[in-house]
PDB file of N, CA and C in Angstrom:
ATOM      1  N   UNK A   1       0.852  -1.177   0.000  1.00  0.00           N
ATOM      2  CA  UNK A   1       0.000   0.000   0.000  1.00  0.00           C
ATOM      3  C   UNK A   1       0.898   1.241   0.000  1.00  0.00           C
ATOM      4  N   UNK A   2       0.634   2.150  -0.910  1.00  0.00           N
ATOM      5  CA  UNK A   2       1.399   3.386  -0.936  1.00  0.00           C
ATOM      6  C   UNK A   2       0.945   4.296   0.204  1.00  0.00           C
ATOM      7  N   UNK A   3       1.780   5.250   0.533  1.00  0.00           N
ATOM      8  CA  UNK A   3       1.439   6.165   1.616  1.00  0.00           C
ATOM      9  C   UNK A   3       0.174   6.946   1.295  1.00  0.00           C
ATOM     10  N   UNK A   4       0.037   7.341   0.055  1.00  0.00           N
ATOM     11  CA  UNK A   4      -1.167   8.072  -0.331  1.00  0.00           C
ATOM     12  C   UNK A   4      -2.404   7.201  -0.157  1.00  0.00           C
ATOM     13  N   UNK A   5      -2.314   5.949  -0.577  1.00  0.00           N
ATOM     14  CA  UNK A   5      -3.442   5.040  -0.388  1.00  0.00           C
ATOM     15  C   UNK A   5      -3.712   4.804   1.099  1.00  0.00           C
ATOM     16  N   UNK A   6      -2.635   4.728   1.871  1.00  0.00           N
ATOM     17  CA  UNK A   6      -2.789   4.554   3.304  1.00  0.00           C
ATOM     18  C   UNK A   6      -3.568   5.725   3.902  1.00  0.00           C
ATOM     19  N   UNK A   7      -3.211   6.927   3.500  1.00  0.00           N
ATOM     20  CA  UNK A   7      -3.922   8.107   4.000  1.00  0.00           C
ATOM     21  C   UNK A   7      -5.365   8.130   3.507  1.00  0.00           C
ATOM     22  N   UNK A   8      -5.586   7.652   2.305  1.00  0.00           N
ATOM     23  CA  UNK A   8      -6.952   7.592   1.768  1.00  0.00           C
ATOM     24  C   UNK A   8      -7.800   6.553   2.499  1.00  0.00           C
ATOM     25  N   UNK A   9      -7.137   5.602   3.169  1.00  0.00           N
ATOM     26  CA  UNK A   9      -7.869   4.549   3.874  1.00  0.00           C
ATOM     27  C   UNK A   9      -8.347   4.998   5.255  1.00  0.00           C
ATOM     28  N   UNK A  10      -8.004   6.209   5.638  1.00  0.00           N
ATOM     29  CA  UNK A  10      -8.457   6.718   6.933  1.00  0.00           C
ATOM     30  C   UNK A  10      -9.973   6.654   7.030  1.00  0.00           C
ATOM     31  N   UNK A  11     -10.413   6.328   8.211  1.00  0.00           N
ATOM     32  CA  UNK A  11     -11.845   6.350   8.484  1.00  0.00           C
ATOM     33  C   UNK A  11     -12.087   7.469   9.491  1.00  0.00           C
ATOM     34  N   UNK A  12     -13.230   8.068   9.416  1.00  0.00           N
ATOM     35  CA  UNK A  12     -13.530   9.187  10.305  1.00  0.00           C
ATOM     36  C   UNK A  12     -14.721   8.853  11.177  1.00  0.00           C
ATOM     37  N   UNK A  13     -14.672   9.339  12.401  1.00  0.00           N
ATOM     38  CA  UNK A  13     -15.749   9.124  13.349  1.00  0.00           C
ATOM     39  C   UNK A  13     -15.798  10.314  14.291  1.00  0.00           C
ATOM     40  N   UNK A  14     -16.822  10.348  15.108  1.00  0.00           N
ATOM     41  CA  UNK A  14     -16.922  11.415  16.106  1.00  0.00           C
ATOM     42  C   UNK A  14     -16.539  10.846  17.460  1.00  0.00           C
ATOM     43  N   UNK A  15     -15.744  11.601  18.191  1.00  0.00           N
ATOM     44  CA  UNK A  15     -15.314  11.217  19.520  1.00  0.00           C
ATOM     45  C   UNK A  15     -15.393  12.450  20.400  1.00  0.00           C
ATOM     46  N   UNK A  16     -16.204  12.391  21.394  1.00  0.00           N
ATOM     47  CA  UNK A  16     -16.407  13.522  22.303  1.00  0.00           C
ATOM     48  C   UNK A  16     -16.762  14.787  21.524  1.00  0.00           C
ATOM     49  N   UNK A  17     -17.600  14.618  20.517  1.00  0.00           N
ATOM     50  CA  UNK A  17     -18.082  15.755  19.747  1.00  0.00           C
ATOM     51  C   UNK A  17     -17.134  16.278  18.684  1.00  0.00           C
ATOM     52  N   UNK A  18     -15.985  15.640  18.538  1.00  0.00           N
ATOM     53  CA  UNK A  18     -15.007  16.076  17.531  1.00  0.00           C
ATOM     54  C   UNK A  18     -14.861  14.997  16.471  1.00  0.00           C
ATOM     55  N   UNK A  19     -14.696  15.426  15.224  1.00  0.00           N
ATOM     56  CA  UNK A  19     -14.448  14.483  14.141  1.00  0.00           C
ATOM     57  C   UNK A  19     -12.967  14.098  14.180  1.00  0.00           C
ATOM     58  N   UNK A  20     -12.700  12.790  14.242  1.00  0.00           N
ATOM     59  CA  UNK A  20     -11.318  12.309  14.320  1.00  0.00           C
ATOM     60  C   UNK A  20     -11.072  11.274  13.236  1.00  0.00           C
ATOM     61  N   UNK A  21      -9.804  11.125  12.878  1.00  0.00           N
ATOM     62  CA  UNK A  21      -9.397  10.127  11.888  1.00  0.00           C
ATOM     63  C   UNK A  21      -8.964   8.866  12.624  1.00  0.00           C
ATOM     64  N   UNK A  22      -9.319   7.736  12.059  1.00  0.00           N
ATOM     65  CA  UNK A  22      -8.970   6.444  12.648  1.00  0.00           C
ATOM     66  C   UNK A  22      -8.122   5.683  11.636  1.00  0.00           C
ATOM     67  N   UNK A  23      -7.018   5.143  12.113  1.00  0.00           N
ATOM     68  CA  UNK A  23      -6.099   4.396  11.261  1.00  0.00           C
ATOM     69  C   UNK A  23      -5.753   3.105  11.980  1.00  0.00           C
ATOM     70  N   UNK A  24      -5.745   1.999  11.269  1.00  0.00           N
ATOM     71  CA  UNK A  24      -5.372   0.735  11.890  1.00  0.00           C
ATOM     72  C   UNK A  24      -3.928   0.822  12.378  1.00  0.00           C
ATOM     73  N   UNK A  25      -3.639   0.141  13.483  1.00  0.00           N
ATOM     74  CA  UNK A  25      -2.319   0.229  14.102  1.00  0.00           C
ATOM     75  C   UNK A  25      -1.201  -0.158  13.135  1.00  0.00           C
ATOM     76  N   UNK A  26      -1.413  -1.221  12.361  1.00  0.00           N
ATOM     77  CA  UNK A  26      -0.395  -1.646  11.392  1.00  0.00           C
ATOM     78  C   UNK A  26      -0.122  -0.539  10.372  1.00  0.00           C
ATOM     79  N   UNK A  27      -1.164   0.125   9.921  1.00  0.00           N
ATOM     80  CA  UNK A  27      -0.995   1.219   8.970  1.00  0.00           C
ATOM     81  C   UNK A  27      -0.315   2.419   9.627  1.00  0.00           C
ATOM     82  N   UNK A  28      -0.604   2.648  10.905  1.00  0.00           N
ATOM     83  CA  UNK A  28       0.057   3.728  11.653  1.00  0.00           C
ATOM     84  C   UNK A  28       1.562   3.488  11.685  1.00  0.00           C
ATOM     85  N   UNK A  29       1.969   2.242  11.941  1.00  0.00           N
ATOM     86  CA  UNK A  29       3.398   1.915  11.962  1.00  0.00           C
ATOM     87  C   UNK A  29       4.027   2.108  10.582  1.00  0.00           C
ATOM     88  N   UNK A  30       3.306   1.761   9.535  1.00  0.00           N
ATOM     89  CA  UNK A  30       3.815   1.981   8.175  1.00  0.00           C
ATOM     90  C   UNK A  30       4.022   3.467   7.918  1.00  0.00           C
ATOM     91  N   UNK A  31       3.068   4.273   8.367  1.00  0.00           N
ATOM     92  CA  UNK A  31       3.176   5.719   8.187  1.00  0.00           C
ATOM     93  C   UNK A  31       4.372   6.275   8.961  1.00  0.00           C
ATOM     94  N   UNK A  32       4.559   5.826  10.188  1.00  0.00           N
ATOM     95  CA  UNK A  32       5.714   6.267  10.969  1.00  0.00           C
ATOM     96  C   UNK A  32       7.023   5.881  10.301  1.00  0.00           C
ATOM     97  N   UNK A  33       7.102   4.656   9.789  1.00  0.00           N
ATOM     98  CA  UNK A  33       8.315   4.214   9.096  1.00  0.00           C
ATOM     99  C   UNK A  33       8.593   5.082   7.880  1.00  0.00           C
ATOM    100  N   UNK A  34       7.551   5.432   7.143  1.00  0.00           N
ATOM    101  CA  UNK A  34       7.706   6.284   5.968  1.00  0.00           C
ATOM    102  C   UNK A  34       8.234   7.662   6.375  1.00  0.00           C
ATOM    103  N   UNK A  35       7.664   8.224   7.438  1.00  0.00           N
ATOM    104  CA  UNK A  35       8.113   9.536   7.908  1.00  0.00           C
ATOM    105  C   UNK A  35       9.558   9.482   8.402  1.00  0.00           C
ATOM    106  N   UNK A  36       9.920   8.405   9.080  1.00  0.00           N
ATOM    107  CA  UNK A  36      11.307   8.255   9.532  1.00  0.00           C
ATOM    108  C   UNK A  36      12.258   8.153   8.343  1.00  0.00           C
ATOM    109  N   UNK A  37      11.835   7.471   7.293  1.00  0.00           N
ATOM    110  CA  UNK A  37      12.659   7.364   6.088  1.00  0.00           C
ATOM    111  C   UNK A  37      12.858   8.738   5.456  1.00  0.00           C
ATOM    112  N   UNK A  38      11.788   9.527   5.384  1.00  0.00           N
ATOM    113  CA  UNK A  38      11.913  10.891   4.853  1.00  0.00           C
ATOM    114  C   UNK A  38      12.905  11.710   5.672  1.00  0.00           C
ATOM    115  N   UNK A  39      12.830  11.565   6.990  1.00  0.00           N
ATOM    116  CA  UNK A  39      13.746  12.280   7.874  1.00  0.00           C
ATOM    117  C   UNK A  39      15.193  11.836   7.618  1.00  0.00           C
ATOM    118  N   UNK A  40      15.395  10.532   7.456  1.00  0.00           N
ATOM    119  CA  UNK A  40      16.734  10.005   7.176  1.00  0.00           C
ATOM    120  C   UNK A  40      17.269  10.552   5.858  1.00  0.00           C
ATOM    121  N   UNK A  41      16.420  10.604   4.847  1.00  0.00           N
ATOM    122  CA  UNK A  41      16.833  11.127   3.540  1.00  0.00           C
ATOM    123  C   UNK A  41      17.286  12.578   3.662  1.00  0.00           C
ATOM    124  N   UNK A  42      16.541  13.374   4.409  1.00  0.00           N
ATOM    125  CA  UNK A  42      16.922  14.778   4.604  1.00  0.00           C
ATOM    126  C   UNK A  42      18.253  14.887   5.340  1.00  0.00           C
ATOM    127  N   UNK A  43      18.493  14.016   6.317  1.00  0.00           N
ATOM    128  CA  UNK A  43      19.762  14.023   7.052  1.00  0.00           C
ATOM    129  C   UNK A  43      20.923  13.712   6.119  1.00  0.00           C
ATOM    130  N   UNK A  44      20.731  12.735   5.248  1.00  0.00           N
ATOM    131  CA  UNK A  44      21.784  12.364   4.297  1.00  0.00           C
ATOM    132  C   UNK A  44      22.037  13.513   3.324  1.00  0.00           C
ATOM    133  N   UNK A  45      20.976  14.135   2.823  1.00  0.00           N
ATOM    134  CA  UNK A  45      21.147  15.266   1.903  1.00  0.00           C
ATOM    135  C   UNK A  45      21.939  16.389   2.561  1.00  0.00           C
ATOM    136  N   UNK A  46      21.620  16.676   3.808  1.00  0.00           N
ATOM    137  CA  UNK A  46      22.326  17.734   4.536  1.00  0.00           C
ATOM    138  C   UNK A  46      23.794  17.374   4.725  1.00  0.00           C
ATOM    139  N   UNK A  47      24.047  16.130   5.140  1.00  0.00           N
ATOM    140  CA  UNK A  47      25.425  15.691   5.357  1.00  0.00           C
ATOM    141  C   UNK A  47      26.229  15.738   4.061  1.00  0.00           C
ATOM    142  N   UNK A  48      25.641  15.307   2.959  1.00  0.00           N
ATOM    143  CA  UNK A  48      26.350  15.342   1.682  1.00  0.00           C
ATOM    144  C   UNK A  48      26.584  16.776   1.213  1.00  0.00           C
ATOM    145  N   UNK A  49      25.618  17.650   1.458  1.00  0.00           N
ATOM    146  CA  UNK A  49      25.795  19.059   1.114  1.00  0.00           C
ATOM    147  C   UNK A  49      26.944  19.652   1.922  1.00  0.00           C
ATOM    148  N   UNK A  50      26.974  19.357   3.223  1.00  0.00           N
ATOM    149  CA  UNK A  50      28.048  19.857   4.082  1.00  0.00           C
ATOM    150  C   UNK A  50      29.403  19.335   3.615  1.00  0.00           C
ATOM    151  N   UNK A  51      29.440  18.072   3.210  1.00  0.00           N
ATOM    152  CA  UNK A  51      30.685  17.488   2.709  1.00  0.00           C
ATOM    153  C   UNK A  51      31.133  18.171   1.431  1.00  0.00           C
ATOM    154  N   UNK A  52      30.196  18.447   0.560  1.00  0.00           N
ATOM    155  CA  UNK A  52      30.526  19.124  -0.699  1.00  0.00           C
ATOM    156  C   UNK A  52      31.048  20.535  -0.406  1.00  0.00           C
ATOM    157  N   UNK A  53      30.385  21.239   0.507  1.00  0.00           N
ATOM    158  CA  UNK A  53      30.815  22.596   0.868  1.00  0.00           C
ATOM    159  C   UNK A  53      32.211  22.592   1.495  1.00  0.00           C
ATOM    160  N   UNK A  54      32.570  21.479   2.150  1.00  0.00           N
ATOM    161  CA  UNK A  54      33.889  21.364   2.787  1.00  0.00           C
ATOM    162  C   UNK A  54      34.921  20.806   1.814  1.00  0.00           C
ATOM    163  N   UNK A  55      34.591  20.763   0.541  1.00  0.00           N
ATOM    164  CA  UNK A  55      35.535  20.299  -0.472  1.00  0.00           C
ATOM    165  C   UNK A  55      35.881  18.825  -0.342  1.00  0.00           C
ATOM    166  N   UNK A  56      34.961  18.053   0.224  1.00  0.00           N
ATOM    167  CA  UNK A  56      35.200  16.623   0.369  1.00  0.00           C
ATOM    168  C   UNK A  56      35.952  16.244   1.640  1.00  0.00           C
ATOM    169  N   UNK A  57      36.293  17.237   2.455  1.00  0.00           N
ATOM    170  CA  UNK A  57      37.013  16.980   3.703  1.00  0.00           C
ATOM    171  C   UNK A  57      36.006  16.632   4.800  1.00  0.00           C
ATOM    172  N   UNK A  58      35.999  15.374   5.191  1.00  0.00           N
ATOM    173  CA  UNK A  58      35.012  14.910   6.172  1.00  0.00           C
ATOM    174  C   UNK A  58      35.152  15.611   7.516  1.00  0.00           C
ATOM    175  N   UNK A  59      36.372  15.874   7.931  1.00  0.00           N
ATOM    176  CA  UNK A  59      36.588  16.532   9.217  1.00  0.00           C
ATOM    177  C   UNK A  59      36.031  17.960   9.190  1.00  0.00           C
ATOM    178  N   UNK A  60      36.307  18.694   8.123  1.00  0.00           N
ATOM    179  CA  UNK A  60      35.778  20.062   8.003  1.00  0.00           C
ATOM    180  C   UNK A  60      34.256  20.063   7.928  1.00  0.00           C
ATOM    181  N   UNK A  61      33.686  19.000   7.371  1.00  0.00           N
ATOM    182  CA  UNK A  61      32.227  18.894   7.257  1.00  0.00           C
ATOM    183  C   UNK A  61      31.586  18.507   8.580  1.00  0.00           C
ATOM    184  N   UNK A  62      32.422  18.197   9.570  1.00  0.00           N
ATOM    185  CA  UNK A  62      31.888  17.845  10.881  1.00  0.00           C
ATOM    186  C   UNK A  62      31.599  16.369  11.060  1.00  0.00           C
ATOM    187  N   UNK A  63      32.055  15.561  10.122  1.00  0.00           N
ATOM    188  CA  UNK A  63      31.836  14.119  10.228  1.00  0.00           C
ATOM    189  C   UNK A  63      32.774  13.542  11.279  1.00  0.00           C
ATOM    190  N   UNK A  64      32.308  12.565  11.989  1.00  0.00           N
ATOM    191  CA  UNK A  64      33.098  11.904  13.021  1.00  0.00           C
ATOM    192  C   UNK A  64      33.662  10.601  12.479  1.00  0.00           C
ATOM    193  N   UNK A  65      34.781  10.166  13.051  1.00  0.00           N
ATOM    194  CA  UNK A  65      35.389   8.905  12.631  1.00  0.00           C
ATOM    195  C   UNK A  65      34.693   7.768  13.365  1.00  0.00           C
ATOM    196  N   UNK A  66      34.275   6.767  12.600  1.00  0.00           N
ATOM    197  CA  UNK A  66      33.510   5.662  13.155  1.00  0.00           C
ATOM    198  C   UNK A  66      34.257   4.983  14.316  1.00  0.00           C
ATOM    199  N   UNK A  67      35.540   4.699  14.132  1.00  0.00           N
ATOM    200  CA  UNK A  67      36.272   3.977  15.171  1.00  0.00           C
ATOM    201  C   UNK A  67      36.420   4.789  16.457  1.00  0.00           C
ATOM    202  N   UNK A  68      36.187   6.106  16.394  1.00  0.00           N
ATOM    203  CA  UNK A  68      36.269   6.935  17.589  1.00  0.00           C
ATOM    204  C   UNK A  68      34.934   7.027  18.343  1.00  0.00           C
ATOM    205  N   UNK A  69      33.827   6.757  17.664  1.00  0.00           N
ATOM    206  CA  UNK A  69      32.514   6.896  18.312  1.00  0.00           C
ATOM    207  C   UNK A  69      31.724   5.602  18.397  1.00  0.00           C
ATOM    208  N   UNK A  70      32.223   4.550  17.790  1.00  0.00           N
ATOM    209  CA  UNK A  70      31.487   3.286  17.736  1.00  0.00           C
ATOM    210  C   UNK A  70      31.036   2.830  19.132  1.00  0.00           C
ATOM    211  N   UNK A  71      31.902   2.924  20.110  1.00  0.00           N
ATOM    212  CA  UNK A  71      31.585   2.481  21.459  1.00  0.00           C
ATOM    213  C   UNK A  71      30.489   3.299  22.123  1.00  0.00           C
ATOM    214  N   UNK A  72      30.310   4.522  21.711  1.00  0.00           N
ATOM    215  CA  UNK A  72      29.294   5.390  22.302  1.00  0.00           C
ATOM    216  C   UNK A  72      27.878   4.995  21.877  1.00  0.00           C
ATOM    217  N   UNK A  73      27.758   4.224  20.811  1.00  0.00           N
ATOM    218  CA  UNK A  73      26.458   3.891  20.268  1.00  0.00           C
ATOM    219  C   UNK A  73      25.879   2.594  20.836  1.00  0.00           C
ATOM    220  N   UNK A  74      26.633   1.910  21.651  1.00  0.00           N
ATOM    221  CA  UNK A  74      26.170   0.625  22.197  1.00  0.00           C
ATOM    222  C   UNK A  74      25.300   0.819  23.408  1.00  0.00           C
TER     223      UNK A  74
END
């Protein structure tokens, strides 16, 4: 199911006098994953732009060396 179709599958109901959208939990997780992917793509674009602006120098672009930070991620 595409994200657009997922959004089109929303059902609407009234809850405490307000119209609300209802989405199945599985579809909610799919939507969250899609949004996280979009966020990741933007992060990569920014990092690559910074690298290009730094003339390809990873240190000037603010990139960290994996072997220096790997232990911090555990």
